[in-house]
N, C-alpha and C. Protein backbone atom coordinates (compact mmCIF):
# COMPACT_ATOMS: atom_id res chain seq x y z
N MET A 1 30.90 66.68 148.32
CA MET A 1 31.23 66.24 146.98
C MET A 1 31.96 67.37 146.26
N PRO A 2 32.94 67.05 145.43
CA PRO A 2 33.68 68.11 144.72
C PRO A 2 32.81 68.76 143.66
N PHE A 3 33.29 69.90 143.13
CA PHE A 3 32.60 70.52 142.00
C PHE A 3 32.55 69.51 140.86
N ASN A 4 31.47 69.52 140.10
CA ASN A 4 31.28 68.61 139.00
C ASN A 4 30.64 69.34 137.84
N ARG A 5 30.94 68.90 136.63
CA ARG A 5 30.33 69.44 135.42
C ARG A 5 29.88 68.27 134.57
N ASN A 6 28.98 68.56 133.64
CA ASN A 6 28.56 67.57 132.66
C ASN A 6 27.94 66.33 133.29
N GLY A 7 27.16 66.48 134.34
CA GLY A 7 26.50 65.34 134.97
C GLY A 7 25.39 64.80 134.09
N VAL A 8 25.42 63.49 133.88
CA VAL A 8 24.45 62.83 133.01
C VAL A 8 24.04 61.51 133.66
N LEU A 9 22.73 61.33 133.88
CA LEU A 9 22.22 60.09 134.46
C LEU A 9 21.99 59.06 133.37
N PHE A 10 22.22 57.80 133.69
CA PHE A 10 21.83 56.72 132.80
C PHE A 10 20.32 56.58 132.87
N PRO A 11 19.67 56.11 131.80
CA PRO A 11 18.21 56.06 131.76
C PRO A 11 17.58 54.95 132.62
N ARG A 12 18.40 54.10 133.18
CA ARG A 12 17.89 53.06 134.09
C ARG A 12 18.97 52.74 135.12
N ARG A 13 18.55 52.07 136.18
CA ARG A 13 19.52 51.64 137.19
C ARG A 13 20.44 50.58 136.58
N ILE A 14 21.65 50.54 137.07
CA ILE A 14 22.62 49.54 136.64
C ILE A 14 23.06 48.77 137.88
N ASN A 15 22.86 47.46 137.84
CA ASN A 15 23.18 46.60 138.99
C ASN A 15 22.49 47.12 140.26
N GLY A 16 21.25 47.58 140.11
CA GLY A 16 20.45 48.02 141.25
C GLY A 16 20.72 49.44 141.74
N ALA A 17 21.66 50.15 141.12
CA ALA A 17 22.01 51.50 141.58
C ALA A 17 21.76 52.52 140.48
N TYR A 18 21.46 53.75 140.91
CA TYR A 18 21.42 54.85 139.95
C TYR A 18 22.85 55.08 139.48
N ALA A 19 23.00 55.47 138.23
CA ALA A 19 24.35 55.63 137.67
C ALA A 19 24.47 56.98 136.98
N MET A 20 25.66 57.57 137.07
CA MET A 20 25.88 58.90 136.51
C MET A 20 27.30 59.00 135.96
N LEU A 21 27.43 59.76 134.88
CA LEU A 21 28.74 60.17 134.37
C LEU A 21 28.91 61.64 134.69
N SER A 22 30.10 62.06 135.05
CA SER A 22 30.36 63.47 135.32
C SER A 22 31.85 63.76 135.13
N ARG A 23 32.18 65.03 135.29
CA ARG A 23 33.57 65.46 135.18
C ARG A 23 33.93 66.27 136.42
N PRO A 24 34.73 65.70 137.33
CA PRO A 24 35.18 66.48 138.48
C PRO A 24 35.83 67.78 137.99
N SER A 25 35.64 68.84 138.76
CA SER A 25 35.96 70.17 138.27
C SER A 25 36.51 71.03 139.39
N ASP A 26 36.94 72.23 139.01
CA ASP A 26 37.21 73.25 140.01
C ASP A 26 36.02 74.21 139.97
N SER A 27 36.12 75.34 140.59
CA SER A 27 34.98 76.25 140.66
C SER A 27 34.89 77.20 139.47
N GLY A 28 35.80 77.09 138.52
CA GLY A 28 35.80 78.00 137.38
C GLY A 28 35.66 77.27 136.06
N HIS A 29 36.20 77.85 135.01
CA HIS A 29 36.20 77.23 133.68
C HIS A 29 37.34 76.22 133.67
N THR A 30 37.05 75.03 134.08
CA THR A 30 38.04 73.98 134.32
C THR A 30 38.97 73.78 133.13
N PRO A 31 40.27 73.88 133.36
CA PRO A 31 41.23 73.67 132.28
C PRO A 31 41.63 72.21 132.11
N PHE A 32 40.88 71.31 132.74
CA PHE A 32 41.20 69.88 132.67
C PHE A 32 39.88 69.11 132.66
N GLY A 33 39.93 67.83 132.37
CA GLY A 33 38.69 67.09 132.44
C GLY A 33 38.78 65.65 132.00
N ASP A 34 38.33 64.78 132.88
CA ASP A 34 38.18 63.36 132.62
C ASP A 34 36.71 63.00 132.90
N ILE A 35 36.23 61.94 132.29
CA ILE A 35 34.88 61.47 132.56
C ILE A 35 34.94 60.38 133.62
N PHE A 36 34.12 60.53 134.67
CA PHE A 36 34.04 59.55 135.75
C PHE A 36 32.63 58.96 135.83
N TYR A 37 32.55 57.75 136.35
CA TYR A 37 31.29 57.07 136.62
C TYR A 37 31.11 57.05 138.13
N SER A 38 29.88 57.25 138.60
CA SER A 38 29.58 57.07 140.02
C SER A 38 28.19 56.48 140.14
N GLN A 39 27.90 55.95 141.32
CA GLN A 39 26.59 55.33 141.52
C GLN A 39 26.01 55.74 142.86
N SER A 40 24.69 55.55 142.99
CA SER A 40 23.98 55.97 144.19
C SER A 40 22.82 55.03 144.46
N PRO A 41 22.57 54.74 145.74
CA PRO A 41 21.39 53.94 146.06
C PRO A 41 20.11 54.76 146.09
N ASP A 42 20.25 56.10 146.23
CA ASP A 42 19.09 56.95 146.50
C ASP A 42 19.08 58.30 145.76
N MET A 43 20.04 58.55 144.88
CA MET A 43 20.19 59.81 144.15
C MET A 43 20.58 60.98 145.06
N ILE A 44 20.96 60.69 146.29
CA ILE A 44 21.44 61.71 147.22
C ILE A 44 22.92 61.47 147.53
N HIS A 45 23.25 60.25 147.88
CA HIS A 45 24.61 59.88 148.24
C HIS A 45 25.27 59.17 147.06
N TRP A 46 26.35 59.77 146.58
CA TRP A 46 27.05 59.24 145.41
C TRP A 46 28.43 58.75 145.80
N GLY A 47 28.83 57.61 145.24
CA GLY A 47 30.14 57.07 145.54
C GLY A 47 30.56 56.06 144.48
N HIS A 48 31.53 55.24 144.85
CA HIS A 48 32.08 54.23 143.94
C HIS A 48 32.54 54.87 142.62
N HIS A 49 33.22 56.02 142.74
CA HIS A 49 33.68 56.77 141.58
C HIS A 49 34.76 55.98 140.84
N ARG A 50 34.61 55.94 139.51
CA ARG A 50 35.58 55.22 138.68
C ARG A 50 35.89 56.04 137.44
N LEU A 51 37.16 56.07 137.08
CA LEU A 51 37.56 56.74 135.85
C LEU A 51 37.01 55.97 134.66
N VAL A 52 36.42 56.71 133.70
CA VAL A 52 35.92 56.12 132.46
C VAL A 52 36.87 56.44 131.32
N MET A 53 37.13 57.73 131.09
CA MET A 53 37.98 58.14 129.97
C MET A 53 38.76 59.39 130.33
N ARG A 54 39.94 59.49 129.74
CA ARG A 54 40.77 60.70 129.83
C ARG A 54 40.87 61.31 128.43
N PRO A 55 41.20 62.60 128.35
CA PRO A 55 41.45 63.18 127.03
C PRO A 55 42.61 62.47 126.34
N THR A 56 42.53 62.41 125.04
CA THR A 56 43.61 61.84 124.25
C THR A 56 44.10 62.88 123.26
N GLU A 57 44.86 62.47 122.32
CA GLU A 57 45.46 63.39 121.36
C GLU A 57 44.43 64.10 120.49
N GLY A 58 44.89 65.13 119.78
CA GLY A 58 44.07 65.78 118.75
C GLY A 58 42.88 66.55 119.27
N TRP A 59 41.73 66.30 118.66
CA TRP A 59 40.52 67.09 118.88
C TRP A 59 40.03 67.08 120.32
N GLN A 60 40.50 66.17 121.15
CA GLN A 60 40.04 66.07 122.54
C GLN A 60 41.22 66.10 123.53
N SER A 61 42.26 66.81 123.17
CA SER A 61 43.48 66.78 123.96
C SER A 61 43.43 67.60 125.24
N THR A 62 42.52 68.57 125.35
CA THR A 62 42.47 69.43 126.53
C THR A 62 41.55 68.87 127.61
N LYS A 63 40.32 68.54 127.24
CA LYS A 63 39.36 68.00 128.21
C LYS A 63 38.21 67.35 127.46
N ILE A 64 37.50 66.48 128.18
CA ILE A 64 36.33 65.80 127.64
C ILE A 64 35.22 65.84 128.67
N GLY A 65 33.98 65.63 128.22
CA GLY A 65 32.85 65.57 129.13
C GLY A 65 31.68 64.87 128.48
N ALA A 66 30.87 64.23 129.31
CA ALA A 66 29.70 63.51 128.80
C ALA A 66 28.71 64.47 128.17
N GLY A 67 27.97 63.97 127.21
CA GLY A 67 26.95 64.76 126.53
C GLY A 67 25.56 64.29 126.94
N PRO A 68 24.76 63.84 125.96
CA PRO A 68 23.40 63.38 126.27
C PRO A 68 23.38 62.10 127.09
N ILE A 69 22.21 61.74 127.54
CA ILE A 69 21.99 60.48 128.25
C ILE A 69 22.49 59.34 127.36
N PRO A 70 23.28 58.42 127.91
CA PRO A 70 23.75 57.29 127.11
C PRO A 70 22.59 56.50 126.51
N ILE A 71 22.82 55.97 125.32
CA ILE A 71 21.80 55.22 124.60
C ILE A 71 22.12 53.74 124.72
N GLU A 72 21.16 52.97 125.23
CA GLU A 72 21.37 51.54 125.42
C GLU A 72 21.19 50.80 124.10
N THR A 73 22.17 49.97 123.75
CA THR A 73 22.09 49.09 122.59
C THR A 73 22.43 47.68 123.05
N ALA A 74 22.22 46.72 122.19
CA ALA A 74 22.57 45.33 122.52
C ALA A 74 24.07 45.17 122.75
N GLU A 75 24.89 46.06 122.14
CA GLU A 75 26.34 45.96 122.25
C GLU A 75 26.92 46.75 123.42
N GLY A 76 26.13 47.65 124.00
CA GLY A 76 26.62 48.47 125.10
C GLY A 76 25.96 49.83 125.08
N TRP A 77 26.45 50.72 125.94
CA TRP A 77 25.93 52.08 126.02
C TRP A 77 26.67 52.98 125.03
N LEU A 78 25.93 53.61 124.13
CA LEU A 78 26.52 54.61 123.24
C LEU A 78 26.61 55.92 124.00
N LEU A 79 27.79 56.48 124.08
CA LEU A 79 28.00 57.75 124.76
C LEU A 79 28.50 58.78 123.77
N LEU A 80 27.71 59.81 123.56
CA LEU A 80 28.17 60.98 122.81
C LEU A 80 28.85 61.89 123.83
N TYR A 81 30.04 62.37 123.51
CA TYR A 81 30.77 63.21 124.46
C TYR A 81 31.49 64.31 123.70
N HIS A 82 31.75 65.41 124.41
CA HIS A 82 32.48 66.50 123.79
C HIS A 82 33.96 66.40 124.14
N GLY A 83 34.76 66.90 123.23
CA GLY A 83 36.20 66.98 123.44
C GLY A 83 36.65 68.38 123.08
N VAL A 84 37.67 68.86 123.77
CA VAL A 84 38.13 70.23 123.58
C VAL A 84 39.61 70.22 123.17
N LEU A 85 39.90 70.99 122.14
CA LEU A 85 41.25 71.23 121.67
C LEU A 85 41.58 72.69 121.98
N THR A 86 42.75 72.95 122.53
CA THR A 86 43.19 74.33 122.73
C THR A 86 44.03 74.71 121.51
N SER A 87 43.52 75.68 120.74
CA SER A 87 44.23 76.12 119.54
C SER A 87 44.75 77.54 119.76
N CYS A 88 45.50 78.05 118.79
CA CYS A 88 46.00 79.42 118.90
C CYS A 88 44.85 80.43 118.87
N ASN A 89 43.66 80.01 118.44
CA ASN A 89 42.48 80.87 118.41
C ASN A 89 41.51 80.57 119.56
N GLY A 90 41.95 79.82 120.54
CA GLY A 90 41.09 79.49 121.68
C GLY A 90 40.64 78.04 121.64
N PHE A 91 39.62 77.75 122.45
CA PHE A 91 39.09 76.39 122.53
C PHE A 91 38.29 76.05 121.29
N VAL A 92 38.35 74.78 120.87
CA VAL A 92 37.51 74.24 119.81
C VAL A 92 36.82 73.02 120.39
N TYR A 93 35.48 73.07 120.44
CA TYR A 93 34.67 71.97 120.97
C TYR A 93 34.11 71.14 119.83
N SER A 94 34.41 69.85 119.84
CA SER A 94 33.88 68.89 118.88
C SER A 94 33.22 67.77 119.66
N PHE A 95 32.61 66.80 118.96
CA PHE A 95 32.13 65.65 119.71
C PHE A 95 32.35 64.35 118.99
N GLY A 96 32.48 63.31 119.83
CA GLY A 96 32.73 61.96 119.36
C GLY A 96 31.81 60.98 120.04
N VAL A 97 32.10 59.69 119.88
CA VAL A 97 31.25 58.65 120.44
C VAL A 97 32.10 57.53 121.01
N ALA A 98 31.62 56.96 122.10
CA ALA A 98 32.28 55.81 122.72
C ALA A 98 31.21 54.76 123.01
N LEU A 99 31.65 53.53 123.14
CA LEU A 99 30.77 52.43 123.51
C LEU A 99 31.23 51.89 124.86
N LEU A 100 30.33 51.95 125.85
CA LEU A 100 30.63 51.51 127.21
C LEU A 100 29.95 50.17 127.48
N ASP A 101 30.55 49.37 128.33
CA ASP A 101 29.98 48.08 128.70
C ASP A 101 28.61 48.26 129.37
N LEU A 102 27.67 47.37 129.08
CA LEU A 102 26.31 47.50 129.63
C LEU A 102 26.27 47.36 131.15
N GLU A 103 26.99 46.41 131.70
CA GLU A 103 26.94 46.15 133.14
C GLU A 103 28.05 46.83 133.93
N GLU A 104 29.12 47.22 133.25
CA GLU A 104 30.23 47.93 133.87
C GLU A 104 30.56 49.15 133.01
N PRO A 105 29.73 50.20 133.08
CA PRO A 105 29.86 51.34 132.17
C PRO A 105 31.14 52.14 132.32
N TRP A 106 31.95 51.85 133.30
CA TRP A 106 33.26 52.50 133.42
C TRP A 106 34.27 51.83 132.49
N ARG A 107 33.88 50.71 131.89
CA ARG A 107 34.75 50.02 130.92
C ARG A 107 34.42 50.49 129.50
N VAL A 108 35.39 51.07 128.83
CA VAL A 108 35.22 51.55 127.46
C VAL A 108 35.56 50.40 126.51
N LEU A 109 34.56 50.00 125.71
CA LEU A 109 34.77 48.92 124.75
C LEU A 109 35.37 49.45 123.45
N HIS A 110 34.88 50.61 123.01
CA HIS A 110 35.36 51.25 121.79
C HIS A 110 35.23 52.76 121.96
N ARG A 111 36.09 53.49 121.25
CA ARG A 111 36.07 54.96 121.33
C ARG A 111 36.56 55.52 120.00
N SER A 112 35.81 56.44 119.42
CA SER A 112 36.20 57.00 118.13
C SER A 112 37.51 57.76 118.25
N LYS A 113 38.40 57.53 117.31
CA LYS A 113 39.66 58.29 117.28
C LYS A 113 39.42 59.68 116.72
N GLN A 114 38.57 59.77 115.72
CA GLN A 114 38.24 61.05 115.07
C GLN A 114 36.97 61.62 115.68
N TYR A 115 36.77 62.90 115.51
CA TYR A 115 35.52 63.50 115.97
C TYR A 115 34.39 63.10 115.03
N LEU A 116 33.21 63.07 115.59
CA LEU A 116 31.99 62.79 114.82
C LEU A 116 31.52 64.07 114.14
N LEU A 117 31.61 65.18 114.87
CA LEU A 117 31.21 66.48 114.34
C LEU A 117 32.11 67.54 114.96
N SER A 118 32.56 68.48 114.14
CA SER A 118 33.35 69.60 114.64
C SER A 118 32.78 70.88 114.04
N PRO A 119 33.09 72.04 114.63
CA PRO A 119 32.54 73.28 114.11
C PRO A 119 33.07 73.58 112.70
N GLN A 120 32.17 73.60 111.74
CA GLN A 120 32.51 73.88 110.34
C GLN A 120 31.59 74.93 109.75
N ALA A 121 30.29 74.81 110.06
CA ALA A 121 29.31 75.76 109.51
C ALA A 121 29.44 77.11 110.21
N LEU A 122 29.02 78.16 109.54
CA LEU A 122 29.12 79.51 110.09
C LEU A 122 28.46 79.61 111.47
N TYR A 123 27.27 79.03 111.63
CA TYR A 123 26.55 79.11 112.91
C TYR A 123 27.23 78.32 114.02
N GLU A 124 28.19 77.44 113.68
CA GLU A 124 28.96 76.70 114.67
C GLU A 124 30.26 77.43 115.03
N CYS A 125 30.71 78.26 114.10
CA CYS A 125 32.01 78.94 114.26
C CYS A 125 31.89 80.37 114.78
N VAL A 126 30.74 81.02 114.57
CA VAL A 126 30.57 82.42 114.95
C VAL A 126 29.36 82.53 115.86
N GLY A 127 29.57 83.13 117.04
CA GLY A 127 28.48 83.30 118.00
C GLY A 127 29.03 83.77 119.32
N ASP A 128 28.26 83.57 120.39
CA ASP A 128 28.68 84.00 121.72
C ASP A 128 30.01 83.36 122.12
N VAL A 129 30.17 82.08 121.83
CA VAL A 129 31.44 81.38 122.05
C VAL A 129 31.77 80.67 120.74
N PRO A 130 32.75 81.17 120.00
CA PRO A 130 33.03 80.61 118.67
C PRO A 130 33.60 79.19 118.74
N ASN A 131 33.44 78.49 117.62
CA ASN A 131 34.04 77.17 117.42
C ASN A 131 33.56 76.12 118.42
N VAL A 132 32.23 76.02 118.54
CA VAL A 132 31.66 75.06 119.49
C VAL A 132 30.55 74.25 118.82
N VAL A 133 30.67 72.92 118.90
CA VAL A 133 29.54 72.01 118.75
C VAL A 133 29.56 71.16 120.03
N PHE A 134 28.42 71.13 120.73
CA PHE A 134 28.35 70.55 122.06
C PHE A 134 27.09 69.70 122.16
N PRO A 135 27.22 68.37 122.17
CA PRO A 135 26.03 67.51 122.19
C PRO A 135 25.26 67.66 123.50
N CYS A 136 23.96 67.91 123.38
CA CYS A 136 23.14 68.18 124.56
C CYS A 136 22.07 67.13 124.82
N ALA A 137 21.46 66.61 123.76
CA ALA A 137 20.37 65.63 123.92
C ALA A 137 20.35 64.73 122.70
N ALA A 138 19.83 63.53 122.90
CA ALA A 138 19.70 62.59 121.78
C ALA A 138 18.40 61.81 121.97
N LEU A 139 17.64 61.73 120.90
CA LEU A 139 16.41 60.94 120.90
C LEU A 139 16.61 59.77 119.95
N CYS A 140 16.27 58.58 120.41
CA CYS A 140 16.46 57.39 119.60
C CYS A 140 15.12 56.71 119.35
N ASP A 141 14.81 56.46 118.09
CA ASP A 141 13.62 55.69 117.71
C ASP A 141 14.04 54.22 117.77
N ALA A 142 13.55 53.51 118.78
CA ALA A 142 13.96 52.13 118.99
C ALA A 142 13.63 51.22 117.81
N ASP A 143 12.55 51.51 117.10
CA ASP A 143 12.15 50.65 115.98
C ASP A 143 13.10 50.78 114.79
N SER A 144 13.46 52.01 114.44
CA SER A 144 14.29 52.22 113.25
C SER A 144 15.78 52.38 113.59
N GLY A 145 16.09 52.70 114.85
CA GLY A 145 17.47 52.97 115.23
C GLY A 145 17.93 54.37 114.87
N ARG A 146 17.01 55.18 114.31
CA ARG A 146 17.36 56.55 113.93
C ARG A 146 17.54 57.40 115.19
N ILE A 147 18.56 58.24 115.17
CA ILE A 147 18.88 59.08 116.33
C ILE A 147 18.94 60.54 115.89
N ALA A 148 18.27 61.39 116.66
CA ALA A 148 18.34 62.84 116.48
C ALA A 148 19.23 63.38 117.59
N ILE A 149 20.30 64.10 117.22
CA ILE A 149 21.22 64.67 118.19
C ILE A 149 21.05 66.19 118.20
N TYR A 150 20.62 66.72 119.34
CA TYR A 150 20.52 68.16 119.52
C TYR A 150 21.87 68.64 120.05
N TYR A 151 22.41 69.69 119.44
CA TYR A 151 23.69 70.18 119.91
C TYR A 151 23.74 71.70 119.88
N GLY A 152 24.48 72.25 120.84
CA GLY A 152 24.70 73.68 120.88
C GLY A 152 25.74 74.06 119.85
N ALA A 153 25.52 75.17 119.17
CA ALA A 153 26.44 75.66 118.14
C ALA A 153 26.86 77.08 118.49
N ALA A 154 28.16 77.26 118.74
CA ALA A 154 28.75 78.55 119.10
C ALA A 154 28.04 79.19 120.30
N ASP A 155 27.49 78.35 121.16
CA ASP A 155 26.76 78.81 122.36
C ASP A 155 25.71 79.87 122.02
N THR A 156 25.17 79.79 120.81
CA THR A 156 24.21 80.80 120.34
C THR A 156 22.91 80.17 119.85
N VAL A 157 23.01 79.04 119.18
CA VAL A 157 21.83 78.38 118.62
C VAL A 157 21.87 76.89 118.97
N THR A 158 20.72 76.26 118.84
CA THR A 158 20.63 74.81 118.97
C THR A 158 20.47 74.23 117.58
N ALA A 159 21.27 73.24 117.26
CA ALA A 159 21.24 72.61 115.94
C ALA A 159 20.81 71.15 116.11
N LEU A 160 20.54 70.51 115.00
CA LEU A 160 20.05 69.13 115.02
C LEU A 160 20.75 68.34 113.93
N ALA A 161 21.26 67.17 114.31
CA ALA A 161 21.90 66.27 113.35
C ALA A 161 21.23 64.91 113.48
N PHE A 162 21.20 64.16 112.38
CA PHE A 162 20.57 62.84 112.38
C PHE A 162 21.59 61.77 112.03
N THR A 163 21.43 60.61 112.64
CA THR A 163 22.26 59.44 112.36
C THR A 163 21.47 58.21 112.76
N THR A 164 22.14 57.08 112.83
CA THR A 164 21.52 55.84 113.32
C THR A 164 22.42 55.22 114.38
N ALA A 165 21.83 54.35 115.18
CA ALA A 165 22.61 53.64 116.19
C ALA A 165 23.70 52.80 115.51
N ASP A 166 23.36 52.15 114.42
CA ASP A 166 24.35 51.33 113.71
C ASP A 166 25.52 52.17 113.21
N ALA A 167 25.24 53.35 112.68
CA ALA A 167 26.31 54.23 112.19
C ALA A 167 27.21 54.68 113.34
N LEU A 168 26.62 54.99 114.50
CA LEU A 168 27.43 55.40 115.65
C LEU A 168 28.27 54.23 116.17
N LEU A 169 27.70 53.03 116.20
CA LEU A 169 28.47 51.86 116.63
C LEU A 169 29.66 51.63 115.70
N ASP A 170 29.41 51.70 114.40
CA ASP A 170 30.49 51.52 113.43
C ASP A 170 31.57 52.60 113.60
N PHE A 171 31.14 53.84 113.82
CA PHE A 171 32.10 54.95 113.97
C PHE A 171 32.94 54.76 115.24
N ALA A 172 32.29 54.34 116.32
CA ALA A 172 33.03 54.13 117.58
C ALA A 172 34.08 53.04 117.42
N LYS A 173 33.79 52.04 116.60
CA LYS A 173 34.70 50.90 116.42
C LYS A 173 35.78 51.17 115.37
N SER A 174 35.61 52.23 114.56
CA SER A 174 36.57 52.49 113.49
C SER A 174 37.90 52.95 114.06
N LYS A 175 38.94 52.65 113.37
CA LYS A 175 40.28 53.02 113.83
C LYS A 175 40.75 54.27 113.18
């Protein structure tokens, strides 16, 4: 199997198979990145690789990668993902949200054009690696729909942001 980064398992099997999102990579700090879907019958052998998303303009023009475990909703899988912009001051990591089909998660139903969060606060802009917000984990309260997003800030601290599933769905669908 090739080098991979940002491997994230779905919280349940899809169509009887384990499912994962990842970003094929080289052996270094990959200067490129697309998100791919793959599946496995046993969590050892992975195949049926499918392209999910490529970087687009603006805040995610250099590379993208999956973040926390996708969140299942009635409308599809909510995927928080990071996007990287190469600026004159180096990389800037922000994050956005996409909605993937429940049964065919390689199909993107909606994808935010704008970032959901970008480095703005001092603790996000100054640290071991400046200008980074990187979604790492998300906890969803199924009863209220409230979501806590844990994210790395400047590769120095862990921060926490709150939202709701409805707000993320609306943001993913916004133009």
